N, C-alpha and C. Protein backbone atom coordinates (compact mmCIF):
# COMPACT_ATOMS: atom_id res chain seq x y z
N MET A 1 85.94 74.68 101.31
CA MET A 1 86.64 75.84 101.81
C MET A 1 85.80 77.09 101.63
N GLY A 2 85.26 77.30 100.45
CA GLY A 2 84.34 78.39 100.21
C GLY A 2 84.90 79.77 100.44
N ARG A 3 84.20 80.52 101.26
CA ARG A 3 84.51 81.94 101.45
C ARG A 3 85.88 82.20 102.08
N ALA A 4 86.46 81.21 102.71
CA ALA A 4 87.77 81.39 103.33
C ALA A 4 88.91 80.94 102.42
N GLU A 5 88.58 80.45 101.24
CA GLU A 5 89.60 79.86 100.37
C GLU A 5 90.73 80.83 100.02
N TYR A 6 90.40 82.02 99.59
CA TYR A 6 91.41 83.01 99.21
C TYR A 6 92.30 83.33 100.41
N LEU A 7 91.70 83.54 101.57
CA LEU A 7 92.48 83.83 102.78
C LEU A 7 93.36 82.67 103.18
N LEU A 8 92.85 81.44 103.02
CA LEU A 8 93.65 80.26 103.35
C LEU A 8 94.86 80.13 102.43
N VAL A 9 94.70 80.41 101.17
CA VAL A 9 95.83 80.36 100.23
C VAL A 9 96.87 81.41 100.61
N LEU A 10 96.42 82.61 100.93
CA LEU A 10 97.36 83.65 101.35
C LEU A 10 98.08 83.26 102.64
N GLY A 11 97.34 82.69 103.58
CA GLY A 11 97.95 82.22 104.83
C GLY A 11 98.97 81.13 104.57
N ALA A 12 98.68 80.23 103.65
CA ALA A 12 99.62 79.16 103.30
C ALA A 12 100.90 79.75 102.71
N CYS A 13 100.76 80.78 101.88
CA CYS A 13 101.94 81.43 101.31
C CYS A 13 102.84 81.99 102.41
N VAL A 14 102.22 82.63 103.39
CA VAL A 14 102.99 83.19 104.50
C VAL A 14 103.66 82.07 105.30
N LEU A 15 102.91 81.02 105.61
CA LEU A 15 103.47 79.92 106.40
C LEU A 15 104.61 79.20 105.69
N VAL A 16 104.50 79.04 104.38
CA VAL A 16 105.54 78.33 103.63
C VAL A 16 106.82 79.15 103.57
N THR A 17 106.70 80.47 103.49
CA THR A 17 107.91 81.29 103.38
C THR A 17 108.43 81.82 104.72
N LEU A 18 107.67 81.70 105.78
CA LEU A 18 108.12 82.18 107.09
C LEU A 18 109.45 81.56 107.52
N PRO A 19 109.68 80.28 107.29
CA PRO A 19 110.98 79.73 107.68
C PRO A 19 112.17 80.42 106.99
N LEU A 20 111.95 81.00 105.84
CA LEU A 20 113.03 81.72 105.17
C LEU A 20 113.47 82.93 105.99
N GLU A 21 112.51 83.60 106.62
CA GLU A 21 112.85 84.72 107.49
C GLU A 21 113.61 84.21 108.71
N LEU A 22 113.15 83.13 109.26
CA LEU A 22 113.80 82.56 110.45
C LEU A 22 115.20 82.04 110.12
N ALA A 23 115.43 81.69 108.85
CA ALA A 23 116.74 81.19 108.43
C ALA A 23 117.72 82.32 108.13
N GLY A 24 117.24 83.56 108.17
CA GLY A 24 118.17 84.67 108.01
C GLY A 24 117.90 85.59 106.83
N ALA A 25 116.77 85.49 106.17
CA ALA A 25 116.48 86.36 105.03
C ALA A 25 116.36 87.82 105.44
N ARG A 26 115.95 88.08 106.67
CA ARG A 26 115.89 89.43 107.24
C ARG A 26 115.01 90.39 106.44
N VAL A 27 113.87 89.94 106.01
CA VAL A 27 112.93 90.80 105.27
C VAL A 27 112.01 91.53 106.23
N TYR A 28 111.41 90.80 107.16
CA TYR A 28 110.49 91.42 108.11
C TYR A 28 111.22 92.33 109.09
N ARG A 29 112.51 92.15 109.24
CA ARG A 29 113.28 92.97 110.18
C ARG A 29 113.65 94.33 109.59
N ARG A 30 113.33 94.53 108.30
CA ARG A 30 113.61 95.81 107.63
C ARG A 30 112.31 96.32 106.99
N PRO A 31 111.34 96.73 107.83
CA PRO A 31 110.02 97.08 107.30
C PRO A 31 110.02 98.28 106.36
N ALA A 32 110.86 99.26 106.59
CA ALA A 32 110.87 100.43 105.70
C ALA A 32 111.32 100.03 104.30
N ARG A 33 112.34 99.22 104.23
CA ARG A 33 112.85 98.74 102.94
C ARG A 33 111.79 97.88 102.24
N LEU A 34 111.14 97.03 103.00
CA LEU A 34 110.09 96.18 102.45
C LEU A 34 108.93 97.02 101.91
N ALA A 35 108.54 98.03 102.65
CA ALA A 35 107.45 98.91 102.22
C ALA A 35 107.81 99.64 100.93
N ARG A 36 109.06 100.09 100.81
CA ARG A 36 109.48 100.77 99.58
C ARG A 36 109.46 99.83 98.39
N ALA A 37 109.65 98.55 98.62
CA ALA A 37 109.63 97.57 97.53
C ALA A 37 108.21 97.17 97.15
N VAL A 38 107.31 97.07 98.12
CA VAL A 38 105.99 96.49 97.89
C VAL A 38 104.92 97.56 97.62
N LEU A 39 104.90 98.61 98.39
CA LEU A 39 103.79 99.57 98.32
C LEU A 39 103.58 100.25 96.97
N PRO A 40 104.62 100.74 96.30
CA PRO A 40 104.36 101.41 95.01
C PRO A 40 103.66 100.51 93.99
N VAL A 41 104.12 99.30 93.88
CA VAL A 41 103.51 98.37 92.92
C VAL A 41 102.11 97.98 93.37
N ALA A 42 101.94 97.72 94.65
CA ALA A 42 100.62 97.37 95.18
C ALA A 42 99.61 98.48 94.91
N LEU A 43 100.01 99.72 95.10
CA LEU A 43 99.11 100.84 94.86
C LEU A 43 98.68 100.92 93.40
N VAL A 44 99.62 100.70 92.49
CA VAL A 44 99.28 100.73 91.06
C VAL A 44 98.24 99.65 90.75
N PHE A 45 98.47 98.45 91.23
CA PHE A 45 97.54 97.36 90.93
C PHE A 45 96.20 97.51 91.66
N LEU A 46 96.20 98.11 92.84
CA LEU A 46 94.93 98.36 93.53
C LEU A 46 94.10 99.40 92.79
N VAL A 47 94.75 100.42 92.26
CA VAL A 47 94.03 101.40 91.45
C VAL A 47 93.47 100.73 90.21
N TRP A 48 94.28 99.88 89.58
CA TRP A 48 93.85 99.14 88.40
C TRP A 48 92.62 98.28 88.74
N ASP A 49 92.69 97.56 89.85
CA ASP A 49 91.55 96.75 90.29
C ASP A 49 90.31 97.61 90.50
N ALA A 50 90.46 98.73 91.19
CA ALA A 50 89.32 99.60 91.49
C ALA A 50 88.68 100.11 90.20
N LEU A 51 89.51 100.50 89.24
CA LEU A 51 88.98 100.99 87.96
C LEU A 51 88.25 99.88 87.20
N ALA A 52 88.82 98.69 87.20
CA ALA A 52 88.21 97.56 86.49
C ALA A 52 86.89 97.15 87.14
N ILE A 53 86.84 97.17 88.46
CA ILE A 53 85.59 96.84 89.17
C ILE A 53 84.53 97.90 88.88
N ALA A 54 84.93 99.17 88.96
CA ALA A 54 83.99 100.26 88.71
C ALA A 54 83.46 100.23 87.27
N ALA A 55 84.29 99.82 86.33
CA ALA A 55 83.89 99.76 84.92
C ALA A 55 83.11 98.48 84.59
N GLY A 56 83.03 97.58 85.56
CA GLY A 56 82.33 96.32 85.32
C GLY A 56 83.12 95.32 84.50
N VAL A 57 84.42 95.55 84.37
CA VAL A 57 85.27 94.64 83.60
C VAL A 57 85.45 93.32 84.34
N TRP A 58 85.63 93.39 85.65
CA TRP A 58 85.70 92.17 86.44
C TRP A 58 85.26 92.41 87.86
N ASP A 59 85.04 91.31 88.52
CA ASP A 59 84.68 91.34 89.94
C ASP A 59 85.15 90.02 90.53
N PHE A 60 84.83 89.79 91.78
CA PHE A 60 85.28 88.59 92.47
C PHE A 60 84.07 87.76 92.89
N ASP A 61 84.19 86.46 92.71
CA ASP A 61 83.09 85.55 93.02
C ASP A 61 82.83 85.58 94.53
N PRO A 62 81.64 85.97 94.95
CA PRO A 62 81.35 86.05 96.39
C PRO A 62 81.45 84.72 97.10
N ALA A 63 81.43 83.63 96.36
CA ALA A 63 81.56 82.31 96.98
C ALA A 63 82.97 82.06 97.50
N PHE A 64 83.96 82.85 97.05
CA PHE A 64 85.35 82.60 97.41
C PHE A 64 86.03 83.74 98.15
N VAL A 65 85.27 84.77 98.49
CA VAL A 65 85.83 85.88 99.28
C VAL A 65 84.96 86.10 100.51
N SER A 66 85.54 86.75 101.50
CA SER A 66 84.87 86.91 102.80
C SER A 66 83.66 87.85 102.74
N GLY A 67 83.63 88.71 101.76
CA GLY A 67 82.55 89.70 101.68
C GLY A 67 82.98 91.06 102.21
N LEU A 68 84.11 91.11 102.88
CA LEU A 68 84.63 92.40 103.36
C LEU A 68 85.30 93.12 102.20
N ARG A 69 84.90 94.35 101.99
CA ARG A 69 85.47 95.13 100.89
C ARG A 69 86.00 96.45 101.43
N VAL A 70 87.13 96.85 100.91
CA VAL A 70 87.70 98.15 101.27
C VAL A 70 87.07 99.18 100.33
N PRO A 71 87.36 100.44 100.51
CA PRO A 71 86.80 101.43 99.59
C PRO A 71 87.07 101.07 98.12
N PHE A 72 86.20 101.50 97.27
CA PHE A 72 86.23 101.26 95.83
C PHE A 72 85.84 99.83 95.47
N GLY A 73 85.28 99.08 96.43
CA GLY A 73 84.75 97.76 96.16
C GLY A 73 85.76 96.64 96.03
N ILE A 74 86.99 96.88 96.42
CA ILE A 74 88.03 95.84 96.32
C ILE A 74 87.91 94.91 97.52
N PRO A 75 87.84 93.59 97.28
CA PRO A 75 87.77 92.65 98.41
C PRO A 75 89.03 92.71 99.27
N LEU A 76 88.86 92.54 100.56
CA LEU A 76 89.99 92.54 101.48
C LEU A 76 91.07 91.56 101.03
N GLU A 77 90.66 90.39 100.55
CA GLU A 77 91.63 89.37 100.12
C GLU A 77 92.51 89.87 98.98
N GLU A 78 91.95 90.67 98.10
CA GLU A 78 92.73 91.20 96.97
C GLU A 78 93.77 92.20 97.47
N VAL A 79 93.41 93.01 98.44
CA VAL A 79 94.37 93.94 99.04
C VAL A 79 95.50 93.16 99.70
N LEU A 80 95.13 92.13 100.45
CA LEU A 80 96.14 91.30 101.10
C LEU A 80 97.02 90.59 100.09
N PHE A 81 96.43 90.18 98.96
CA PHE A 81 97.20 89.51 97.91
C PHE A 81 98.36 90.39 97.46
N PHE A 82 98.09 91.69 97.26
CA PHE A 82 99.12 92.59 96.77
C PHE A 82 100.18 92.92 97.82
N ALA A 83 99.99 92.47 99.04
CA ALA A 83 101.03 92.57 100.07
C ALA A 83 101.70 91.23 100.28
N VAL A 84 100.90 90.18 100.45
CA VAL A 84 101.43 88.86 100.81
C VAL A 84 102.32 88.27 99.70
N VAL A 85 101.84 88.25 98.49
CA VAL A 85 102.59 87.60 97.41
C VAL A 85 103.93 88.31 97.15
N PRO A 86 103.97 89.64 97.05
CA PRO A 86 105.28 90.28 96.89
C PRO A 86 106.22 90.05 98.08
N ILE A 87 105.67 90.07 99.28
CA ILE A 87 106.52 89.82 100.46
C ILE A 87 107.10 88.41 100.40
N CYS A 88 106.28 87.45 100.02
CA CYS A 88 106.78 86.07 99.88
C CYS A 88 107.84 85.99 98.79
N GLY A 89 107.65 86.75 97.72
CA GLY A 89 108.65 86.80 96.65
C GLY A 89 109.95 87.41 97.13
N VAL A 90 109.88 88.50 97.88
CA VAL A 90 111.08 89.13 98.41
C VAL A 90 111.79 88.19 99.39
N LEU A 91 111.01 87.51 100.22
CA LEU A 91 111.60 86.53 101.14
C LEU A 91 112.36 85.45 100.37
N THR A 92 111.75 84.94 99.33
CA THR A 92 112.39 83.90 98.53
C THR A 92 113.65 84.43 97.87
N TYR A 93 113.57 85.62 97.31
CA TYR A 93 114.73 86.24 96.65
C TYR A 93 115.88 86.41 97.65
N GLU A 94 115.58 86.94 98.82
CA GLU A 94 116.61 87.14 99.84
C GLU A 94 117.20 85.81 100.31
N ALA A 95 116.37 84.79 100.43
CA ALA A 95 116.85 83.48 100.87
C ALA A 95 117.77 82.86 99.82
N VAL A 96 117.45 83.04 98.55
CA VAL A 96 118.33 82.53 97.48
C VAL A 96 119.67 83.26 97.53
N GLY A 97 119.62 84.58 97.72
CA GLY A 97 120.86 85.34 97.84
C GLY A 97 121.68 84.90 99.04
N LEU A 98 121.04 84.67 100.15
CA LEU A 98 121.72 84.20 101.36
C LEU A 98 122.36 82.84 101.12
N THR A 99 121.63 81.96 100.47
CA THR A 99 122.15 80.63 100.17
C THR A 99 123.38 80.73 99.27
N GLY A 100 123.32 81.59 98.27
CA GLY A 100 124.47 81.79 97.39
C GLY A 100 125.68 82.30 98.15
N ARG A 101 125.47 83.26 99.04
CA ARG A 101 126.59 83.78 99.83
C ARG A 101 127.18 82.69 100.73
N LEU A 102 126.33 81.88 101.33
CA LEU A 102 126.82 80.81 102.20
C LEU A 102 127.58 79.76 101.40
N LEU A 103 127.11 79.44 100.22
CA LEU A 103 127.81 78.46 99.38
C LEU A 103 129.16 78.98 98.93
N ARG A 104 129.27 80.27 98.62
CA ARG A 104 130.56 80.85 98.23
C ARG A 104 131.54 80.78 99.39
N ARG A 105 131.06 80.99 100.61
CA ARG A 105 131.95 80.91 101.78
C ARG A 105 132.45 79.49 101.98
N VAL A 106 131.59 78.51 101.78
CA VAL A 106 131.95 77.12 101.97
C VAL A 106 132.99 76.68 100.94
N ARG A 107 132.87 77.19 99.73
CA ARG A 107 133.79 76.81 98.64
C ARG A 107 135.17 77.38 98.83
N ARG A 108 135.32 78.42 99.62
CA ARG A 108 136.64 79.06 99.81
C ARG A 108 137.54 78.26 100.66
């Protein structure tokens, strides 16, 4: 897999959780709400990443990233990680809530 590995894992996360949106989780249909949930935390961790890279505390193995870097030396895959993983988490959370509501209706 090599340089595409990180992107492939992120793509798999999206593909695995996409059916939850189609089943009624309604996360992608409310982009402003999703942005308010994801962006503040993503920004904090991106700043943290940028500081750690600049200080030489850590970096990313070039064998597993595309080589595309955004400002401050953060790999594109890392930026996508801070969007994809929380979105998948929100999708899962909403799907569990939807399932609970449907089960309560069935029990009545």
